[in-house]
Amino acid sequence: MAKYRNKPMVVEAIQFFDDAETISIIHEFTGINPLRVDYAQPDNPQLIIPTFEGSMRANIGDWIIKVGDWGCYPCKPEIFEATYELLEVEA
């Protein structure tokens, strides 16, 4: 049996909130066109993110992570906070 360590990886991320400004920033950040938000449950809007594995859904407060050429993926806040640390904030 071999042991492995995660290679450090720097990612870009933005947290999903259902307001026009955040959705506009997410659209620009991800390049997803069209960017879709599912309002089937008005109290629980979900951002639809196309990935190599198929469509994934992000709930309010989830992070959208951009991983180089691999695309964008949703991440639950508690997993994001346990996995990533802030390096810098771009203006």
PDB file of N, CA and C in Angstrom:
ATOM      1  N   MET A   1       0.854  -1.182   0.000  1.00  0.00           N
ATOM      2  CA  MET A   1       0.000   0.000   0.000  1.00  0.00           C
ATOM      3  C   MET A   1       0.890   1.231   0.000  1.00  0.00           C
ATOM      4  N   ALA A   2       0.563   2.192  -0.844  1.00  0.00           N
ATOM      5  CA  ALA A   2       1.307   3.449  -0.926  1.00  0.00           C
ATOM      6  C   ALA A   2       0.513   4.564  -0.264  1.00  0.00           C
ATOM      7  N   LYS A   3       1.214   5.606   0.144  1.00  0.00           N
ATOM      8  CA  LYS A   3       0.567   6.790   0.719  1.00  0.00           C
ATOM      9  C   LYS A   3       0.737   7.953  -0.248  1.00  0.00           C
ATOM     10  N   TYR A   4      -0.272   8.811  -0.306  1.00  0.00           N
ATOM     11  CA  TYR A   4      -0.261   9.961  -1.218  1.00  0.00           C
ATOM     12  C   TYR A   4      -0.678  11.212  -0.472  1.00  0.00           C
ATOM     13  N   ARG A   5      -0.188  12.342  -0.945  1.00  0.00           N
ATOM     14  CA  ARG A   5      -0.566  13.634  -0.387  1.00  0.00           C
ATOM     15  C   ARG A   5      -1.194  14.474  -1.489  1.00  0.00           C
ATOM     16  N   ASN A   6      -2.200  15.252  -1.163  1.00  0.00           N
ATOM     17  CA  ASN A   6      -2.777  16.191  -2.116  1.00  0.00           C
ATOM     18  C   ASN A   6      -1.723  17.202  -2.525  1.00  0.00           C
ATOM     19  N   LYS A   7      -1.603  17.451  -3.814  1.00  0.00           N
ATOM     20  CA  LYS A   7      -0.707  18.507  -4.267  1.00  0.00           C
ATOM     21  C   LYS A   7      -1.378  19.848  -4.012  1.00  0.00           C
ATOM     22  N   PRO A   8      -0.628  20.803  -3.507  1.00  0.00           N
ATOM     23  CA  PRO A   8      -1.238  22.128  -3.305  1.00  0.00           C
ATOM     24  C   PRO A   8      -1.694  22.711  -4.647  1.00  0.00           C
ATOM     25  N   MET A   9      -2.867  23.255  -4.662  1.00  0.00           N
ATOM     26  CA  MET A   9      -3.428  23.823  -5.883  1.00  0.00           C
ATOM     27  C   MET A   9      -4.086  25.158  -5.531  1.00  0.00           C
ATOM     28  N   VAL A  10      -3.808  26.159  -6.318  1.00  0.00           N
ATOM     29  CA  VAL A  10      -4.438  27.466  -6.126  1.00  0.00           C
ATOM     30  C   VAL A  10      -5.659  27.529  -7.035  1.00  0.00           C
ATOM     31  N   VAL A  11      -6.793  27.911  -6.462  1.00  0.00           N
ATOM     32  CA  VAL A  11      -8.031  28.025  -7.226  1.00  0.00           C
ATOM     33  C   VAL A  11      -8.602  29.422  -7.042  1.00  0.00           C
ATOM     34  N   GLU A  12      -9.475  29.816  -7.950  1.00  0.00           N
ATOM     35  CA  GLU A  12     -10.250  31.040  -7.803  1.00  0.00           C
ATOM     36  C   GLU A  12     -11.655  30.623  -7.383  1.00  0.00           C
ATOM     37  N   ALA A  13     -12.308  31.437  -6.575  1.00  0.00           N
ATOM     38  CA  ALA A  13     -13.640  31.060  -6.109  1.00  0.00           C
ATOM     39  C   ALA A  13     -14.484  32.295  -5.816  1.00  0.00           C
ATOM     40  N   ILE A  14     -15.786  32.101  -5.926  1.00  0.00           N
ATOM     41  CA  ILE A  14     -16.756  33.136  -5.585  1.00  0.00           C
ATOM     42  C   ILE A  14     -17.957  32.451  -4.952  1.00  0.00           C
ATOM     43  N   GLN A  15     -18.550  33.104  -3.964  1.00  0.00           N
ATOM     44  CA  GLN A  15     -19.699  32.521  -3.277  1.00  0.00           C
ATOM     45  C   GLN A  15     -20.988  32.931  -3.980  1.00  0.00           C
ATOM     46  N   PHE A  16     -21.902  31.963  -4.134  1.00  0.00           N
ATOM     47  CA  PHE A  16     -23.172  32.180  -4.843  1.00  0.00           C
ATOM     48  C   PHE A  16     -24.210  32.772  -3.903  1.00  0.00           C
ATOM     49  N   PHE A  17     -24.728  33.927  -4.290  1.00  0.00           N
ATOM     50  CA  PHE A  17     -25.891  34.545  -3.659  1.00  0.00           C
ATOM     51  C   PHE A  17     -26.819  34.980  -4.786  1.00  0.00           C
ATOM     52  N   ASP A  18     -28.108  34.951  -4.523  1.00  0.00           N
ATOM     53  CA  ASP A  18     -29.107  35.235  -5.554  1.00  0.00           C
ATOM     54  C   ASP A  18     -29.434  36.717  -5.612  1.00  0.00           C
ATOM     55  N   ASP A  19     -28.489  37.505  -6.104  1.00  0.00           N
ATOM     56  CA  ASP A  19     -28.749  38.918  -6.370  1.00  0.00           C
ATOM     57  C   ASP A  19     -28.096  39.259  -7.701  1.00  0.00           C
ATOM     58  N   ALA A  20     -28.607  40.270  -8.350  1.00  0.00           N
ATOM     59  CA  ALA A  20     -28.180  40.598  -9.718  1.00  0.00           C
ATOM     60  C   ALA A  20     -26.680  40.842  -9.816  1.00  0.00           C
ATOM     61  N   GLU A  21     -26.093  41.554  -8.855  1.00  0.00           N
ATOM     62  CA  GLU A  21     -24.665  41.865  -8.920  1.00  0.00           C
ATOM     63  C   GLU A  21     -23.817  40.594  -8.829  1.00  0.00           C
ATOM     64  N   THR A  22     -24.130  39.717  -7.876  1.00  0.00           N
ATOM     65  CA  THR A  22     -23.364  38.480  -7.711  1.00  0.00           C
ATOM     66  C   THR A  22     -23.514  37.584  -8.934  1.00  0.00           C
ATOM     67  N   ILE A  23     -24.718  37.452  -9.451  1.00  0.00           N
ATOM     68  CA  ILE A  23     -24.945  36.611 -10.626  1.00  0.00           C
ATOM     69  C   ILE A  23     -24.171  37.160 -11.824  1.00  0.00           C
ATOM     70  N   SER A  24     -24.128  38.479 -11.977  1.00  0.00           N
ATOM     71  CA  SER A  24     -23.351  39.090 -13.060  1.00  0.00           C
ATOM     72  C   SER A  24     -21.860  38.788 -12.897  1.00  0.00           C
ATOM     73  N   ILE A  25     -21.348  38.873 -11.683  1.00  0.00           N
ATOM     74  CA  ILE A  25     -19.937  38.580 -11.421  1.00  0.00           C
ATOM     75  C   ILE A  25     -19.648  37.102 -11.684  1.00  0.00           C
ATOM     76  N   ILE A  26     -20.552  36.211 -11.254  1.00  0.00           N
ATOM     77  CA  ILE A  26     -20.374  34.773 -11.495  1.00  0.00           C
ATOM     78  C   ILE A  26     -20.361  34.491 -12.993  1.00  0.00           C
ATOM     79  N   HIS A  27     -21.238  35.154 -13.736  1.00  0.00           N
ATOM     80  CA  HIS A  27     -21.287  34.977 -15.191  1.00  0.00           C
ATOM     81  C   HIS A  27     -19.938  35.337 -15.808  1.00  0.00           C
ATOM     82  N   GLU A  28     -19.399  36.475 -15.419  1.00  0.00           N
ATOM     83  CA  GLU A  28     -18.102  36.916 -15.944  1.00  0.00           C
ATOM     84  C   GLU A  28     -16.983  35.976 -15.472  1.00  0.00           C
ATOM     85  N   PHE A  29     -17.023  35.560 -14.228  1.00  0.00           N
ATOM     86  CA  PHE A  29     -16.004  34.693 -13.623  1.00  0.00           C
ATOM     87  C   PHE A  29     -15.952  33.316 -14.287  1.00  0.00           C
ATOM     88  N   THR A  30     -17.116  32.723 -14.520  1.00  0.00           N
ATOM     89  CA  THR A  30     -17.165  31.355 -15.052  1.00  0.00           C
ATOM     90  C   THR A  30     -17.131  31.301 -16.571  1.00  0.00           C
ATOM     91  N   GLY A  31     -17.650  32.332 -17.221  1.00  0.00           N
ATOM     92  CA  GLY A  31     -17.769  32.301 -18.673  1.00  0.00           C
ATOM     93  C   GLY A  31     -18.899  31.395 -19.141  1.00  0.00           C
ATOM     94  N   ILE A  32     -19.726  30.917 -18.211  1.00  0.00           N
ATOM     95  CA  ILE A  32     -20.847  30.051 -18.576  1.00  0.00           C
ATOM     96  C   ILE A  32     -21.906  30.903 -19.264  1.00  0.00           C
ATOM     97  N   ASN A  33     -22.288  30.491 -20.491  1.00  0.00           N
ATOM     98  CA  ASN A  33     -23.260  31.265 -21.251  1.00  0.00           C
ATOM     99  C   ASN A  33     -24.221  30.319 -21.959  1.00  0.00           C
ATOM    100  N   PRO A  34     -25.480  30.352 -21.626  1.00  0.00           N
ATOM    101  CA  PRO A  34     -26.102  31.226 -20.645  1.00  0.00           C
ATOM    102  C   PRO A  34     -25.923  30.678 -19.228  1.00  0.00           C
ATOM    103  N   LEU A  35     -25.841  31.570 -18.278  1.00  0.00           N
ATOM    104  CA  LEU A  35     -25.798  31.196 -16.868  1.00  0.00           C
ATOM    105  C   LEU A  35     -27.236  30.990 -16.409  1.00  0.00           C
ATOM    106  N   ARG A  36     -27.521  29.820 -15.850  1.00  0.00           N
ATOM    107  CA  ARG A  36     -28.899  29.492 -15.476  1.00  0.00           C
ATOM    108  C   ARG A  36     -29.056  29.370 -13.976  1.00  0.00           C
ATOM    109  N   VAL A  37     -30.125  29.993 -13.463  1.00  0.00           N
ATOM    110  CA  VAL A  37     -30.529  29.820 -12.071  1.00  0.00           C
ATOM    111  C   VAL A  37     -31.913  29.196 -12.099  1.00  0.00           C
ATOM    112  N   ASP A  38     -32.067  28.081 -11.390  1.00  0.00           N
ATOM    113  CA  ASP A  38     -33.333  27.350 -11.337  1.00  0.00           C
ATOM    114  C   ASP A  38     -34.169  27.898 -10.175  1.00  0.00           C
ATOM    115  N   TYR A  39     -35.333  28.456 -10.509  1.00  0.00           N
ATOM    116  CA  TYR A  39     -36.239  29.012  -9.506  1.00  0.00           C
ATOM    117  C   TYR A  39     -37.471  28.125  -9.313  1.00  0.00           C
ATOM    118  N   ALA A  40     -37.355  26.820  -9.599  1.00  0.00           N
ATOM    119  CA  ALA A  40     -38.486  25.902  -9.422  1.00  0.00           C
ATOM    120  C   ALA A  40     -38.970  25.930  -7.973  1.00  0.00           C
ATOM    121  N   GLN A  41     -38.040  26.083  -7.043  1.00  0.00           N
ATOM    122  CA  GLN A  41     -38.378  26.276  -5.628  1.00  0.00           C
ATOM    123  C   GLN A  41     -37.941  27.700  -5.280  1.00  0.00           C
ATOM    124  N   PRO A  42     -38.862  28.657  -5.310  1.00  0.00           N
ATOM    125  CA  PRO A  42     -38.485  30.064  -5.149  1.00  0.00           C
ATOM    126  C   PRO A  42     -37.678  30.372  -3.883  1.00  0.00           C
ATOM    127  N   ASP A  43     -37.888  29.595  -2.810  1.00  0.00           N
ATOM    128  CA  ASP A  43     -37.139  29.827  -1.575  1.00  0.00           C
ATOM    129  C   ASP A  43     -35.762  29.162  -1.600  1.00  0.00           C
ATOM    130  N   ASN A  44     -35.471  28.410  -2.657  1.00  0.00           N
ATOM    131  CA  ASN A  44     -34.202  27.708  -2.757  1.00  0.00           C
ATOM    132  C   ASN A  44     -33.680  27.745  -4.201  1.00  0.00           C
ATOM    133  N   PRO A  45     -33.338  28.943  -4.708  1.00  0.00           N
ATOM    134  CA  PRO A  45     -32.805  28.999  -6.072  1.00  0.00           C
ATOM    135  C   PRO A  45     -31.486  28.251  -6.157  1.00  0.00           C
ATOM    136  N   GLN A  46     -31.239  27.615  -7.308  1.00  0.00           N
ATOM    137  CA  GLN A  46     -30.018  26.850  -7.511  1.00  0.00           C
ATOM    138  C   GLN A  46     -29.350  27.278  -8.809  1.00  0.00           C
ATOM    139  N   LEU A  47     -28.045  27.496  -8.727  1.00  0.00           N
ATOM    140  CA  LEU A  47     -27.251  27.820  -9.894  1.00  0.00           C
ATOM    141  C   LEU A  47     -26.887  26.514 -10.592  1.00  0.00           C
ATOM    142  N   ILE A  48     -27.141  26.429 -11.892  1.00  0.00           N
ATOM    143  CA  ILE A  48     -26.829  25.230 -12.671  1.00  0.00           C
ATOM    144  C   ILE A  48     -25.444  25.418 -13.291  1.00  0.00           C
ATOM    145  N   ILE A  49     -24.533  24.480 -12.999  1.00  0.00           N
ATOM    146  CA  ILE A  49     -23.157  24.585 -13.483  1.00  0.00           C
ATOM    147  C   ILE A  49     -22.839  23.387 -14.367  1.00  0.00           C
ATOM    148  N   PRO A  50     -22.625  23.614 -15.658  1.00  0.00           N
ATOM    149  CA  PRO A  50     -22.234  22.494 -16.522  1.00  0.00           C
ATOM    150  C   PRO A  50     -20.787  22.095 -16.227  1.00  0.00           C
ATOM    151  N   THR A  51     -20.551  20.783 -16.057  1.00  0.00           N
ATOM    152  CA  THR A  51     -19.207  20.275 -15.784  1.00  0.00           C
ATOM    153  C   THR A  51     -18.937  19.098 -16.719  1.00  0.00           C
ATOM    154  N   PHE A  52     -17.727  18.576 -16.675  1.00  0.00           N
ATOM    155  CA  PHE A  52     -17.387  17.397 -17.472  1.00  0.00           C
ATOM    156  C   PHE A  52     -18.207  16.185 -17.041  1.00  0.00           C
ATOM    157  N   GLU A  53     -18.653  16.167 -15.774  1.00  0.00           N
ATOM    158  CA  GLU A  53     -19.439  15.050 -15.256  1.00  0.00           C
ATOM    159  C   GLU A  53     -20.941  15.242 -15.441  1.00  0.00           C
ATOM    160  N   GLY A  54     -21.352  16.352 -16.036  1.00  0.00           N
ATOM    161  CA  GLY A  54     -22.767  16.677 -16.186  1.00  0.00           C
ATOM    162  C   GLY A  54     -23.092  17.923 -15.374  1.00  0.00           C
ATOM    163  N   SER A  55     -24.355  18.306 -15.363  1.00  0.00           N
ATOM    164  CA  SER A  55     -24.766  19.516 -14.642  1.00  0.00           C
ATOM    165  C   SER A  55     -24.734  19.285 -13.137  1.00  0.00           C
ATOM    166  N   MET A  56     -24.189  20.280 -12.414  1.00  0.00           N
ATOM    167  CA  MET A  56     -24.186  20.271 -10.959  1.00  0.00           C
ATOM    168  C   MET A  56     -24.947  21.494 -10.488  1.00  0.00           C
ATOM    169  N   ARG A  57     -25.457  21.426  -9.270  1.00  0.00           N
ATOM    170  CA  ARG A  57     -26.255  22.516  -8.727  1.00  0.00           C
ATOM    171  C   ARG A  57     -25.580  23.120  -7.505  1.00  0.00           C
ATOM    172  N   ALA A  58     -25.591  24.438  -7.461  1.00  0.00           N
ATOM    173  CA  ALA A  58     -25.063  25.160  -6.308  1.00  0.00           C
ATOM    174  C   ALA A  58     -26.230  25.834  -5.602  1.00  0.00           C
ATOM    175  N   ASN A  59     -26.289  25.690  -4.296  1.00  0.00           N
ATOM    176  CA  ASN A  59     -27.299  26.358  -3.477  1.00  0.00           C
ATOM    177  C   ASN A  59     -26.757  27.702  -2.993  1.00  0.00           C
ATOM    178  N   ILE A  60     -27.640  28.539  -2.497  1.00  0.00           N
ATOM    179  CA  ILE A  60     -27.234  29.825  -1.934  1.00  0.00           C
ATOM    180  C   ILE A  60     -26.162  29.570  -0.879  1.00  0.00           C
ATOM    181  N   GLY A  61     -25.053  30.317  -0.951  1.00  0.00           N
ATOM    182  CA  GLY A  61     -23.963  30.188   0.010  1.00  0.00           C
ATOM    183  C   GLY A  61     -22.867  29.228  -0.427  1.00  0.00           C
ATOM    184  N   ASP A  62     -23.147  28.372  -1.422  1.00  0.00           N
ATOM    185  CA  ASP A  62     -22.110  27.477  -1.929  1.00  0.00           C
ATOM    186  C   ASP A  62     -21.058  28.302  -2.668  1.00  0.00           C
ATOM    187  N   TRP A  63     -19.851  27.763  -2.706  1.00  0.00           N
ATOM    188  CA  TRP A  63     -18.767  28.402  -3.444  1.00  0.00           C
ATOM    189  C   TRP A  63     -18.686  27.819  -4.843  1.00  0.00           C
ATOM    190  N   ILE A  64     -18.364  28.653  -5.817  1.00  0.00           N
ATOM    191  CA  ILE A  64     -18.112  28.224  -7.181  1.00  0.00           C
ATOM    192  C   ILE A  64     -16.598  28.313  -7.354  1.00  0.00           C
ATOM    193  N   ILE A  65     -15.975  27.159  -7.609  1.00  0.00           N
ATOM    194  CA  ILE A  65     -14.519  27.076  -7.703  1.00  0.00           C
ATOM    195  C   ILE A  65     -14.127  26.910  -9.163  1.00  0.00           C
ATOM    196  N   LYS A  66     -13.177  27.721  -9.605  1.00  0.00           N
ATOM    197  CA  LYS A  66     -12.617  27.575 -10.954  1.00  0.00           C
ATOM    198  C   LYS A  66     -11.265  26.887 -10.800  1.00  0.00           C
ATOM    199  N   VAL A  67     -11.142  25.723 -11.439  1.00  0.00           N
ATOM    200  CA  VAL A  67      -9.940  24.901 -11.303  1.00  0.00           C
ATOM    201  C   VAL A  67      -9.233  24.831 -12.659  1.00  0.00           C
ATOM    202  N   GLY A  68      -8.454  25.841 -12.967  1.00  0.00           N
ATOM    203  CA  GLY A  68      -7.691  25.864 -14.210  1.00  0.00           C
ATOM    204  C   GLY A  68      -8.518  25.487 -15.423  1.00  0.00           C
ATOM    205  N   ASP A  69      -8.011  24.546 -16.209  1.00  0.00           N
ATOM    206  CA  ASP A  69      -8.697  24.094 -17.419  1.00  0.00           C
ATOM    207  C   ASP A  69      -9.778  23.061 -17.124  1.00  0.00           C
ATOM    208  N   TRP A  70      -9.926  22.665 -15.880  1.00  0.00           N
ATOM    209  CA  TRP A  70     -10.915  21.639 -15.520  1.00  0.00           C
ATOM    210  C   TRP A  70     -12.319  22.205 -15.460  1.00  0.00           C
ATOM    211  N   GLY A  71     -12.468  23.510 -15.411  1.00  0.00           N
ATOM    212  CA  GLY A  71     -13.796  24.115 -15.364  1.00  0.00           C
ATOM    213  C   GLY A  71     -14.176  24.595 -13.975  1.00  0.00           C
ATOM    214  N   CYS A  72     -15.475  24.757 -13.755  1.00  0.00           N
ATOM    215  CA  CYS A  72     -16.006  25.273 -12.500  1.00  0.00           C
ATOM    216  C   CYS A  72     -16.844  24.207 -11.810  1.00  0.00           C
ATOM    217  N   TYR A  73     -16.792  24.222 -10.492  1.00  0.00           N
ATOM    218  CA  TYR A  73     -17.515  23.237  -9.694  1.00  0.00           C
ATOM    219  C   TYR A  73     -18.071  23.897  -8.445  1.00  0.00           C
ATOM    220  N   PRO A  74     -19.247  23.453  -7.973  1.00  0.00           N
ATOM    221  CA  PRO A  74     -19.769  23.962  -6.710  1.00  0.00           C
ATOM    222  C   PRO A  74     -19.106  23.251  -5.531  1.00  0.00           C
ATOM    223  N   CYS A  75     -19.042  23.942  -4.409  1.00  0.00           N
ATOM    224  CA  CYS A  75     -18.451  23.374  -3.198  1.00  0.00           C
ATOM    225  C   CYS A  75     -19.232  23.892  -1.985  1.00  0.00           C
ATOM    226  N   LYS A  76     -19.632  22.998  -1.096  1.00  0.00           N
ATOM    227  CA  LYS A  76     -20.358  23.389   0.114  1.00  0.00           C
ATOM    228  C   LYS A  76     -19.450  24.256   0.990  1.00  0.00           C
ATOM    229  N   PRO A  77     -20.025  25.256   1.680  1.00  0.00           N
ATOM    230  CA  PRO A  77     -19.209  26.185   2.475  1.00  0.00           C
ATOM    231  C   PRO A  77     -18.319  25.501   3.509  1.00  0.00           C
ATOM    232  N   GLU A  78     -18.841  24.490   4.198  1.00  0.00           N
ATOM    233  CA  GLU A  78     -18.040  23.841   5.246  1.00  0.00           C
ATOM    234  C   GLU A  78     -16.843  23.078   4.655  1.00  0.00           C
ATOM    235  N   ILE A  79     -17.011  22.512   3.476  1.00  0.00           N
ATOM    236  CA  ILE A  79     -15.894  21.823   2.814  1.00  0.00           C
ATOM    237  C   ILE A  79     -14.892  22.848   2.292  1.00  0.00           C
ATOM    238  N   PHE A  80     -15.406  23.945   1.726  1.00  0.00           N
ATOM    239  CA  PHE A  80     -14.528  25.004   1.221  1.00  0.00           C
ATOM    240  C   PHE A  80     -13.661  25.557   2.350  1.00  0.00           C
ATOM    241  N   GLU A  81     -14.272  25.871   3.495  1.00  0.00           N
ATOM    242  CA  GLU A  81     -13.531  26.453   4.614  1.00  0.00           C
ATOM    243  C   GLU A  81     -12.501  25.483   5.184  1.00  0.00           C
ATOM    244  N   ALA A  82     -12.799  24.179   5.155  1.00  0.00           N
ATOM    245  CA  ALA A  82     -11.859  23.182   5.666  1.00  0.00           C
ATOM    246  C   ALA A  82     -10.726  22.894   4.685  1.00  0.00           C
ATOM    247  N   THR A  83     -10.931  23.208   3.406  1.00  0.00           N
ATOM    248  CA  THR A  83      -9.979  22.828   2.366  1.00  0.00           C
ATOM    249  C   THR A  83      -9.111  23.982   1.888  1.00  0.00           C
ATOM    250  N   TYR A  84      -9.652  25.196   1.852  1.00  0.00           N
ATOM    251  CA  TYR A  84      -8.952  26.327   1.244  1.00  0.00           C
ATOM    252  C   TYR A  84      -8.676  27.426   2.258  1.00  0.00           C
ATOM    253  N   GLU A  85      -7.578  28.153   2.024  1.00  0.00           N
ATOM    254  CA  GLU A  85      -7.282  29.343   2.802  1.00  0.00           C
ATOM    255  C   GLU A  85      -7.096  30.508   1.841  1.00  0.00           C
ATOM    256  N   LEU A  86      -7.482  31.688   2.263  1.00  0.00           N
ATOM    257  CA  LEU A  86      -7.390  32.877   1.420  1.00  0.00           C
ATOM    258  C   LEU A  86      -5.927  33.279   1.228  1.00  0.00           C
ATOM    259  N   LEU A  87      -5.510  33.450  -0.026  1.00  0.00           N
ATOM    260  CA  LEU A  87      -4.167  33.894  -0.338  1.00  0.00           C
ATOM    261  C   LEU A  87      -4.127  35.385  -0.620  1.00  0.00           C
ATOM    262  N   GLU A  88      -5.074  35.858  -1.446  1.00  0.00           N
ATOM    263  CA  GLU A  88      -5.135  37.274  -1.804  1.00  0.00           C
ATOM    264  C   GLU A  88      -6.499  37.582  -2.371  1.00  0.00           C
ATOM    265  N   VAL A  89      -6.854  38.846  -2.324  1.00  0.00           N
ATOM    266  CA  VAL A  89      -8.111  39.315  -2.891  1.00  0.00           C
ATOM    267  C   VAL A  89      -7.759  40.244  -4.027  1.00  0.00           C
ATOM    268  N   GLU A  90      -8.312  39.947  -5.215  1.00  0.00           N
ATOM    269  CA  GLU A  90      -8.071  40.817  -6.364  1.00  0.00           C
ATOM    270  C   GLU A  90      -9.057  41.967  -6.336  1.00  0.00           C
ATOM    271  N   ALA A  91      -8.598  43.113  -6.699  1.00  0.00           N
ATOM    272  CA  ALA A  91      -9.469  44.296  -6.709  1.00  0.00           C
ATOM    273  C   ALA A  91     -10.301  44.343  -7.944  1.00  0.00           C
TER     274      ALA A  91
END
